[in-house]
Structure formats: structure tokens, C-alpha cells
PDB file of N, CA and C in Angstrom:
ATOM      1  N   VAL A   1     -94.595  15.055 -17.296  1.00  0.00           N
ATOM      2  CA  VAL A   1     -94.763  14.688 -18.688  1.00  0.00           C
ATOM      3  C   VAL A   1     -95.459  15.814 -19.428  1.00  0.00           C
ATOM      4  N   THR A   2     -94.912  16.292 -20.502  1.00  0.00           N
ATOM      5  CA  THR A   2     -95.458  17.396 -21.245  1.00  0.00           C
ATOM      6  C   THR A   2     -96.698  16.903 -22.095  1.00  0.00           C
ATOM      7  N   ASP A   3     -97.505  17.836 -22.539  1.00  0.00           N
ATOM      8  CA  ASP A   3     -98.589  17.492 -23.482  1.00  0.00           C
ATOM      9  C   ASP A   3     -98.037  16.960 -24.694  1.00  0.00           C
ATOM     10  N   ASP A   4     -96.923  17.508 -25.230  1.00  0.00           N
ATOM     11  CA  ASP A   4     -96.266  17.050 -26.423  1.00  0.00           C
ATOM     12  C   ASP A   4     -96.006  15.524 -26.373  1.00  0.00           C
ATOM     13  N   ILE A   5     -95.369  15.162 -25.249  1.00  0.00           N
ATOM     14  CA  ILE A   5     -95.018  13.723 -25.081  1.00  0.00           C
ATOM     15  C   ILE A   5     -96.259  12.830 -24.974  1.00  0.00           C
ATOM     16  N   LEU A   6     -97.211  13.329 -24.229  1.00  0.00           N
ATOM     17  CA  LEU A   6     -98.478  12.559 -24.143  1.00  0.00           C
ATOM     18  C   LEU A   6     -99.117  12.355 -25.538  1.00  0.00           C
ATOM     19  N   LYS A   7     -99.238  13.441 -26.287  1.00  0.00           N
ATOM     20  CA  LYS A   7     -99.845  13.339 -27.607  1.00  0.00           C
ATOM     21  C   LYS A   7     -99.030  12.303 -28.494  1.00  0.00           C
ATOM     22  N   SER A   8     -97.688  12.356 -28.415  1.00  0.00           N
ATOM     23  CA  SER A   8     -96.937  11.434 -29.251  1.00  0.00           C
ATOM     24  C   SER A   8     -97.074   9.999 -28.806  1.00  0.00           C
ATOM     25  N   VAL A   9     -97.091   9.764 -27.514  1.00  0.00           N
ATOM     26  CA  VAL A   9     -97.355   8.431 -27.014  1.00  0.00           C
ATOM     27  C   VAL A   9     -98.676   7.872 -27.412  1.00  0.00           C
ATOM     28  N   LYS A  10     -99.724   8.730 -27.291  1.00  0.00           N
ATOM     29  CA  LYS A  10    -101.050   8.300 -27.653  1.00  0.00           C
ATOM     30  C   LYS A  10    -101.127   8.022 -29.170  1.00  0.00           C
ATOM     31  N   ASN A  11    -100.532   8.854 -29.963  1.00  0.00           N
ATOM     32  CA  ASN A  11    -100.521   8.679 -31.417  1.00  0.00           C
ATOM     33  C   ASN A  11     -99.835   7.406 -31.763  1.00  0.00           C
ATOM     34  N   ILE A  12     -98.723   7.022 -31.251  1.00  0.00           N
ATOM     35  CA  ILE A  12     -98.032   5.764 -31.504  1.00  0.00           C
ATOM     36  C   ILE A  12     -98.874   4.614 -31.081  1.00  0.00           C
ATOM     37  N   TRP A  13     -99.485   4.734 -29.825  1.00  0.00           N
ATOM     38  CA  TRP A  13    -100.274   3.658 -29.284  1.00  0.00           C
ATOM     39  C   TRP A  13    -101.493   3.324 -30.165  1.00  0.00           C
ATOM     40  N   VAL A  14    -102.178   4.370 -30.611  1.00  0.00           N
ATOM     41  CA  VAL A  14    -103.398   4.208 -31.442  1.00  0.00           C
ATOM     42  C   VAL A  14    -103.039   3.834 -32.882  1.00  0.00           C
ATOM     43  N   THR A  15    -102.019   4.464 -33.455  1.00  0.00           N
ATOM     44  CA  THR A  15    -101.692   4.141 -34.834  1.00  0.00           C
ATOM     45  C   THR A  15    -101.297   2.740 -35.013  1.00  0.00           C
ATOM     46  N   TYR A  16    -100.575   2.224 -34.102  1.00  0.00           N
ATOM     47  CA  TYR A  16    -100.034   0.795 -34.248  1.00  0.00           C
ATOM     48  C   TYR A  16    -100.834  -0.186 -33.459  1.00  0.00           C
ATOM     49  N   ASN A  17    -101.928   0.249 -32.883  1.00  0.00           N
ATOM     50  CA  ASN A  17    -102.824  -0.630 -32.155  1.00  0.00           C
ATOM     51  C   ASN A  17    -102.118  -1.617 -31.200  1.00  0.00           C
ATOM     52  N   LEU A  18    -101.321  -1.053 -30.253  1.00  0.00           N
ATOM     53  CA  LEU A  18    -100.326  -1.830 -29.441  1.00  0.00           C
ATOM     54  C   LEU A  18    -100.939  -2.523 -28.208  1.00  0.00           C
ATOM     55  N   SER A  19    -102.176  -2.251 -27.908  1.00  0.00           N
ATOM     56  CA  SER A  19    -102.716  -2.905 -26.765  1.00  0.00           C
ATOM     57  C   SER A  19    -102.818  -4.407 -26.887  1.00  0.00           C
ATOM     58  N   ILE A  20    -102.474  -5.137 -25.779  1.00  0.00           N
ATOM     59  CA  ILE A  20    -102.551  -6.596 -25.819  1.00  0.00           C
ATOM     60  C   ILE A  20    -103.755  -6.973 -24.808  1.00  0.00           C
ATOM     61  N   GLN A  21    -104.397  -5.977 -24.294  1.00  0.00           N
ATOM     62  CA  GLN A  21    -105.567  -6.225 -23.384  1.00  0.00           C
ATOM     63  C   GLN A  21    -105.213  -6.804 -22.126  1.00  0.00           C
ATOM     64  N   ILE A  22    -104.010  -6.690 -21.659  1.00  0.00           N
ATOM     65  CA  ILE A  22    -103.545  -7.065 -20.324  1.00  0.00           C
ATOM     66  C   ILE A  22    -103.085  -5.753 -19.639  1.00  0.00           C
ATOM     67  N   PRO A  23    -103.899  -5.193 -18.784  1.00  0.00           N
ATOM     68  CA  PRO A  23    -103.632  -3.831 -18.285  1.00  0.00           C
ATOM     69  C   PRO A  23    -102.238  -3.563 -17.815  1.00  0.00           C
ATOM     70  N   ILE A  24    -101.649  -4.433 -16.945  1.00  0.00           N
ATOM     71  CA  ILE A  24    -100.295  -4.168 -16.428  1.00  0.00           C
ATOM     72  C   ILE A  24     -99.302  -4.145 -17.533  1.00  0.00           C
ATOM     73  N   ILE A  25     -99.404  -5.056 -18.528  1.00  0.00           N
ATOM     74  CA  ILE A  25     -98.461  -5.041 -19.647  1.00  0.00           C
ATOM     75  C   ILE A  25     -98.667  -3.808 -20.517  1.00  0.00           C
ATOM     76  N   ASP A  26     -99.918  -3.495 -20.743  1.00  0.00           N
ATOM     77  CA  ASP A  26    -100.157  -2.298 -21.599  1.00  0.00           C
ATOM     78  C   ASP A  26     -99.555  -0.983 -20.923  1.00  0.00           C
ATOM     79  N   ILE A  27     -99.750  -0.882 -19.630  1.00  0.00           N
ATOM     80  CA  ILE A  27     -99.225   0.289 -18.926  1.00  0.00           C
ATOM     81  C   ILE A  27     -97.660   0.304 -19.062  1.00  0.00           C
ATOM     82  N   GLN A  28     -97.087  -0.829 -18.877  1.00  0.00           N
ATOM     83  CA  GLN A  28     -95.598  -0.904 -19.044  1.00  0.00           C
ATOM     84  C   GLN A  28     -95.190  -0.590 -20.406  1.00  0.00           C
ATOM     85  N   HIS A  29     -95.883  -1.021 -21.398  1.00  0.00           N
ATOM     86  CA  HIS A  29     -95.577  -0.697 -22.802  1.00  0.00           C
ATOM     87  C   HIS A  29     -95.637   0.808 -23.038  1.00  0.00           C
ATOM     88  N   ILE A  30     -96.695   1.419 -22.525  1.00  0.00           N
ATOM     89  CA  ILE A  30     -96.896   2.859 -22.695  1.00  0.00           C
ATOM     90  C   ILE A  30     -95.750   3.599 -22.027  1.00  0.00           C
ATOM     91  N   TRP A  31     -95.239   3.118 -20.853  1.00  0.00           N
ATOM     92  CA  TRP A  31     -94.114   3.750 -20.223  1.00  0.00           C
ATOM     93  C   TRP A  31     -92.883   3.656 -21.062  1.00  0.00           C
ATOM     94  N   LEU A  32     -92.614   2.467 -21.674  1.00  0.00           N
ATOM     95  CA  LEU A  32     -91.430   2.248 -22.542  1.00  0.00           C
ATOM     96  C   LEU A  32     -91.608   3.211 -23.750  1.00  0.00           C
ATOM     97  N   ILE A  33     -92.730   3.326 -24.341  1.00  0.00           N
ATOM     98  CA  ILE A  33     -92.948   4.241 -25.484  1.00  0.00           C
ATOM     99  C   ILE A  33     -92.638   5.643 -25.034  1.00  0.00           C
ATOM    100  N   LYS A  34     -93.023   6.063 -23.875  1.00  0.00           N
ATOM    101  CA  LYS A  34     -92.763   7.370 -23.353  1.00  0.00           C
ATOM    102  C   LYS A  34     -91.262   7.676 -23.380  1.00  0.00           C
ATOM    103  N   MET A  35     -90.481   6.593 -22.921  1.00  0.00           N
ATOM    104  CA  MET A  35     -89.026   6.904 -22.880  1.00  0.00           C
ATOM    105  C   MET A  35     -88.433   7.045 -24.351  1.00  0.00           C
ATOM    106  N   VAL A  36     -88.958   6.344 -25.229  1.00  0.00           N
ATOM    107  CA  VAL A  36     -88.580   6.462 -26.667  1.00  0.00           C
ATOM    108  C   VAL A  36     -88.898   7.762 -27.184  1.00  0.00           C
ATOM    109  N   VAL A  37     -90.082   8.269 -26.877  1.00  0.00           N
ATOM    110  CA  VAL A  37     -90.498   9.607 -27.306  1.00  0.00           C
ATOM    111  C   VAL A  37     -89.586  10.722 -26.634  1.00  0.00           C
ATOM    112  N   GLU A  38     -89.238  10.511 -25.381  1.00  0.00           N
ATOM    113  CA  GLU A  38     -88.314  11.463 -24.749  1.00  0.00           C
ATOM    114  C   GLU A  38     -86.986  11.508 -25.564  1.00  0.00           C
ATOM    115  N   LEU A  39     -86.483  10.300 -25.849  1.00  0.00           N
ATOM    116  CA  LEU A  39     -85.196  10.291 -26.568  1.00  0.00           C
ATOM    117  C   LEU A  39     -85.321  10.951 -27.946  1.00  0.00           C
ATOM    118  N   ASP A  40     -86.439  10.686 -28.606  1.00  0.00           N
ATOM    119  CA  ASP A  40     -86.656  11.266 -29.939  1.00  0.00           C
ATOM    120  C   ASP A  40     -86.747  12.761 -29.846  1.00  0.00           C
ATOM    121  N   ASN A  41     -87.427  13.279 -28.807  1.00  0.00           N
ATOM    122  CA  ASN A  41     -87.503  14.753 -28.651  1.00  0.00           C
ATOM    123  C   ASN A  41     -86.130  15.337 -28.390  1.00  0.00           C
ATOM    124  N   ALA A  42     -85.364  14.649 -27.590  1.00  0.00           N
ATOM    125  CA  ALA A  42     -84.049  15.187 -27.267  1.00  0.00           C
ATOM    126  C   ALA A  42     -83.164  15.262 -28.567  1.00  0.00           C
ATOM    127  N   LEU A  43     -83.283  14.163 -29.293  1.00  0.00           N
ATOM    128  CA  LEU A  43     -82.494  14.132 -30.496  1.00  0.00           C
ATOM    129  C   LEU A  43     -82.814  15.221 -31.489  1.00  0.00           C
ATOM    130  N   HIS A  44     -84.096  15.628 -31.600  1.00  0.00           N
ATOM    131  CA  HIS A  44     -84.538  16.530 -32.614  1.00  0.00           C
ATOM    132  C   HIS A  44     -84.714  17.995 -32.093  1.00  0.00           C
ATOM    133  N   LYS A  45     -84.835  18.179 -30.813  1.00  0.00           N
ATOM    134  CA  LYS A  45     -85.188  19.520 -30.281  1.00  0.00           C
ATOM    135  C   LYS A  45     -84.182  20.107 -29.309  1.00  0.00           C
ATOM    136  N   MET A  46     -83.120  19.346 -28.963  1.00  0.00           N
ATOM    137  CA  MET A  46     -82.277  19.955 -27.864  1.00  0.00           C
ATOM    138  C   MET A  46     -80.787  20.089 -28.364  1.00  0.00           C
ATOM    139  N   GLY A  47     -80.110  20.901 -27.630  1.00  0.00           N
ATOM    140  CA  GLY A  47     -78.699  21.112 -27.935  1.00  0.00           C
ATOM    141  C   GLY A  47     -77.878  19.855 -27.533  1.00  0.00           C
ATOM    142  N   GLU A  48     -76.663  19.792 -27.985  1.00  0.00           N
ATOM    143  CA  GLU A  48     -75.760  18.633 -27.819  1.00  0.00           C
ATOM    144  C   GLU A  48     -75.661  18.176 -26.321  1.00  0.00           C
ATOM    145  N   SER A  49     -75.341  19.121 -25.448  1.00  0.00           N
ATOM    146  CA  SER A  49     -75.099  18.749 -24.100  1.00  0.00           C
ATOM    147  C   SER A  49     -76.420  18.239 -23.457  1.00  0.00           C
ATOM    148  N   LYS A  50     -77.560  18.866 -23.765  1.00  0.00           N
ATOM    149  CA  LYS A  50     -78.864  18.409 -23.189  1.00  0.00           C
ATOM    150  C   LYS A  50     -79.172  17.064 -23.784  1.00  0.00           C
ATOM    151  N   LYS A  51     -78.905  16.852 -25.107  1.00  0.00           N
ATOM    152  CA  LYS A  51     -79.171  15.545 -25.719  1.00  0.00           C
ATOM    153  C   LYS A  51     -78.497  14.424 -24.956  1.00  0.00           C
ATOM    154  N   ASN A  52     -77.234  14.656 -24.629  1.00  0.00           N
ATOM    155  CA  ASN A  52     -76.400  13.663 -23.962  1.00  0.00           C
ATOM    156  C   ASN A  52     -76.923  13.408 -22.560  1.00  0.00           C
ATOM    157  N   GLU A  53     -77.333  14.444 -21.855  1.00  0.00           N
ATOM    158  CA  GLU A  53     -77.941  14.328 -20.497  1.00  0.00           C
ATOM    159  C   GLU A  53     -79.182  13.485 -20.578  1.00  0.00           C
ATOM    160  N   VAL A  54     -80.064  13.799 -21.471  1.00  0.00           N
ATOM    161  CA  VAL A  54     -81.355  13.116 -21.638  1.00  0.00           C
ATOM    162  C   VAL A  54     -81.117  11.695 -21.993  1.00  0.00           C
ATOM    163  N   PHE A  55     -80.175  11.447 -22.883  1.00  0.00           N
ATOM    164  CA  PHE A  55     -79.851  10.111 -23.341  1.00  0.00           C
ATOM    165  C   PHE A  55     -79.382   9.187 -22.136  1.00  0.00           C
ATOM    166  N   GLN A  56     -78.445   9.796 -21.360  1.00  0.00           N
ATOM    167  CA  GLN A  56     -77.931   9.087 -20.273  1.00  0.00           C
ATOM    168  C   GLN A  56     -79.065   8.710 -19.250  1.00  0.00           C
ATOM    169  N   GLN A  57     -79.886   9.721 -18.927  1.00  0.00           N
ATOM    170  CA  GLN A  57     -80.989   9.490 -18.034  1.00  0.00           C
ATOM    171  C   GLN A  57     -81.985   8.493 -18.552  1.00  0.00           C
ATOM    172  N   VAL A  58     -82.459   8.635 -19.717  1.00  0.00           N
ATOM    173  CA  VAL A  58     -83.485   7.808 -20.279  1.00  0.00           C
ATOM    174  C   VAL A  58     -82.917   6.417 -20.555  1.00  0.00           C
ATOM    175  N   SER A  59     -81.757   6.265 -21.059  1.00  0.00           N
ATOM    176  CA  SER A  59     -81.206   4.901 -21.374  1.00  0.00           C
ATOM    177  C   SER A  59     -81.030   4.099 -20.082  1.00  0.00           C
ATOM    178  N   GLY A  60     -80.609   4.765 -19.034  1.00  0.00           N
ATOM    179  CA  GLY A  60     -80.408   4.115 -17.757  1.00  0.00           C
ATOM    180  C   GLY A  60     -81.742   3.635 -17.205  1.00  0.00           C
ATOM    181  N   ARG A  61     -82.725   4.496 -17.237  1.00  0.00           N
ATOM    182  CA  ARG A  61     -84.105   4.124 -16.808  1.00  0.00           C
ATOM    183  C   ARG A  61     -84.694   3.061 -17.632  1.00  0.00           C
ATOM    184  N   ALA A  62     -84.488   3.099 -18.956  1.00  0.00           N
ATOM    185  CA  ALA A  62     -84.959   2.101 -19.928  1.00  0.00           C
ATOM    186  C   ALA A  62     -84.397   0.715 -19.587  1.00  0.00           C
ATOM    187  N   MET A  63     -83.064   0.695 -19.311  1.00  0.00           N
ATOM    188  CA  MET A  63     -82.453  -0.597 -19.027  1.00  0.00           C
ATOM    189  C   MET A  63     -83.099  -1.227 -17.768  1.00  0.00           C
ATOM    190  N   GLU A  64     -83.149  -0.444 -16.686  1.00  0.00           N
ATOM    191  CA  GLU A  64     -83.778  -0.879 -15.504  1.00  0.00           C
ATOM    192  C   GLU A  64     -85.259  -1.296 -15.678  1.00  0.00           C
ATOM    193  N   TYR A  65     -85.948  -0.473 -16.391  1.00  0.00           N
ATOM    194  CA  TYR A  65     -87.409  -0.729 -16.555  1.00  0.00           C
ATOM    195  C   TYR A  65     -87.660  -1.965 -17.430  1.00  0.00           C
ATOM    196  N   THR A  66     -86.785  -2.124 -18.409  1.00  0.00           N
ATOM    197  CA  THR A  66     -86.945  -3.297 -19.316  1.00  0.00           C
ATOM    198  C   THR A  66     -86.861  -4.615 -18.506  1.00  0.00           C
ATOM    199  N   GLN A  67     -85.830  -4.631 -17.615  1.00  0.00           N
ATOM    200  CA  GLN A  67     -85.728  -5.800 -16.782  1.00  0.00           C
ATOM    201  C   GLN A  67     -86.933  -6.038 -15.887  1.00  0.00           C
ATOM    202  N   GLU A  68     -87.445  -4.984 -15.233  1.00  0.00           N
ATOM    203  CA  GLU A  68     -88.570  -5.068 -14.500  1.00  0.00           C
ATOM    204  C   GLU A  68     -89.831  -5.478 -15.236  1.00  0.00           C
ATOM    205  N   HIS A  69     -89.908  -5.020 -16.529  1.00  0.00           N
ATOM    206  CA  HIS A  69     -91.038  -5.297 -17.340  1.00  0.00           C
ATOM    207  C   HIS A  69     -91.094  -6.774 -17.801  1.00  0.00           C
ATOM    208  N   PHE A  70     -89.991  -7.324 -18.184  1.00  0.00           N
ATOM    209  CA  PHE A  70     -90.046  -8.700 -18.825  1.00  0.00           C
ATOM    210  C   PHE A  70     -90.335  -9.770 -17.869  1.00  0.00           C
ATOM    211  N   ARG A  71     -89.986  -9.605 -16.560  1.00  0.00           N
ATOM    212  CA  ARG A  71     -90.293 -10.675 -15.523  1.00  0.00           C
ATOM    213  C   ARG A  71     -91.751 -10.948 -15.472  1.00  0.00           C
ATOM    214  N   PRO A  72     -92.581  -9.877 -15.178  1.00  0.00           N
ATOM    215  CA  PRO A  72     -94.007 -10.216 -15.106  1.00  0.00           C
ATOM    216  C   PRO A  72     -94.628 -10.578 -16.448  1.00  0.00           C
ATOM    217  N   GLU A  73     -94.137  -9.993 -17.524  1.00  0.00           N
ATOM    218  CA  GLU A  73     -94.644 -10.294 -18.831  1.00  0.00           C
ATOM    219  C   GLU A  73     -94.445 -11.784 -19.160  1.00  0.00           C
ATOM    220  N   GLU A  74     -93.299 -12.289 -18.860  1.00  0.00           N
ATOM    221  CA  GLU A  74     -92.948 -13.614 -19.139  1.00  0.00           C
ATOM    222  C   GLU A  74     -93.904 -14.578 -18.298  1.00  0.00           C
ATOM    223  N   ARG A  75     -94.104 -14.272 -17.007  1.00  0.00           N
ATOM    224  CA  ARG A  75     -94.951 -15.097 -16.167  1.00  0.00           C
ATOM    225  C   ARG A  75     -96.399 -15.055 -16.704  1.00  0.00           C
ATOM    226  N   ILE A  76     -96.845 -13.890 -17.072  1.00  0.00           N
ATOM    227  CA  ILE A  76     -98.219 -13.811 -17.625  1.00  0.00           C
ATOM    228  C   ILE A  76     -98.368 -14.640 -18.869  1.00  0.00           C
ATOM    229  N   MET A  77     -97.440 -14.558 -19.766  1.00  0.00           N
ATOM    230  CA  MET A  77     -97.436 -15.228 -21.041  1.00  0.00           C
ATOM    231  C   MET A  77     -97.360 -16.743 -20.810  1.00  0.00           C
ATOM    232  N   GLN A  78     -96.640 -17.186 -19.812  1.00  0.00           N
ATOM    233  CA  GLN A  78     -96.545 -18.616 -19.514  1.00  0.00           C
ATOM    234  C   GLN A  78     -97.916 -19.148 -19.053  1.00  0.00           C
ATOM    235  N   GLU A  79     -98.617 -18.308 -18.238  1.00  0.00           N
ATOM    236  CA  GLU A  79     -99.913 -18.731 -17.772  1.00  0.00           C
ATOM    237  C   GLU A  79    -100.981 -18.720 -18.893  1.00  0.00           C
TER     238      GLU A  79
END
């Protein structure tokens, strides 16, 4: 993870006060934000072929990760 991505993730996290004070969920949310930042960086800073490559990689990871994320979040919220 580059310093650029870390700064962007931190900025989003702090600006929108996204913490819900449940560490495992907060960590998962940070990871999802990181993927969005990676996509945004690809969109604005990379050539067309690299954009497509990053989009394919990140969107695949995001789909898998979202499924992994919502199972524990739903259990925690039920409790």
C-alpha cells in the first residue's frame, strides 16, 4: 500500500467519522475504503489498459471481501 493510498483512506475515515467502535468491523470498512481508493487512483492516474487491469483485480477482491464482511457484521449487529 502506497503512502498516497494510506493518506486518502485516513482522510476519508476521519472526514466522515466512519468508526462504529467495533474493531473488526472498522478494520473491514477501512479495507473496503482502500479498494475504492485504489479504483479511484486507477481511474484518474493510469492509462486505459492499466485501469482495466486494476478494475478487474479490485472489483473481484471487493466482491469476495464484501461477502466475507457482511456475515460477521450481520451476526454482530444481531447481538
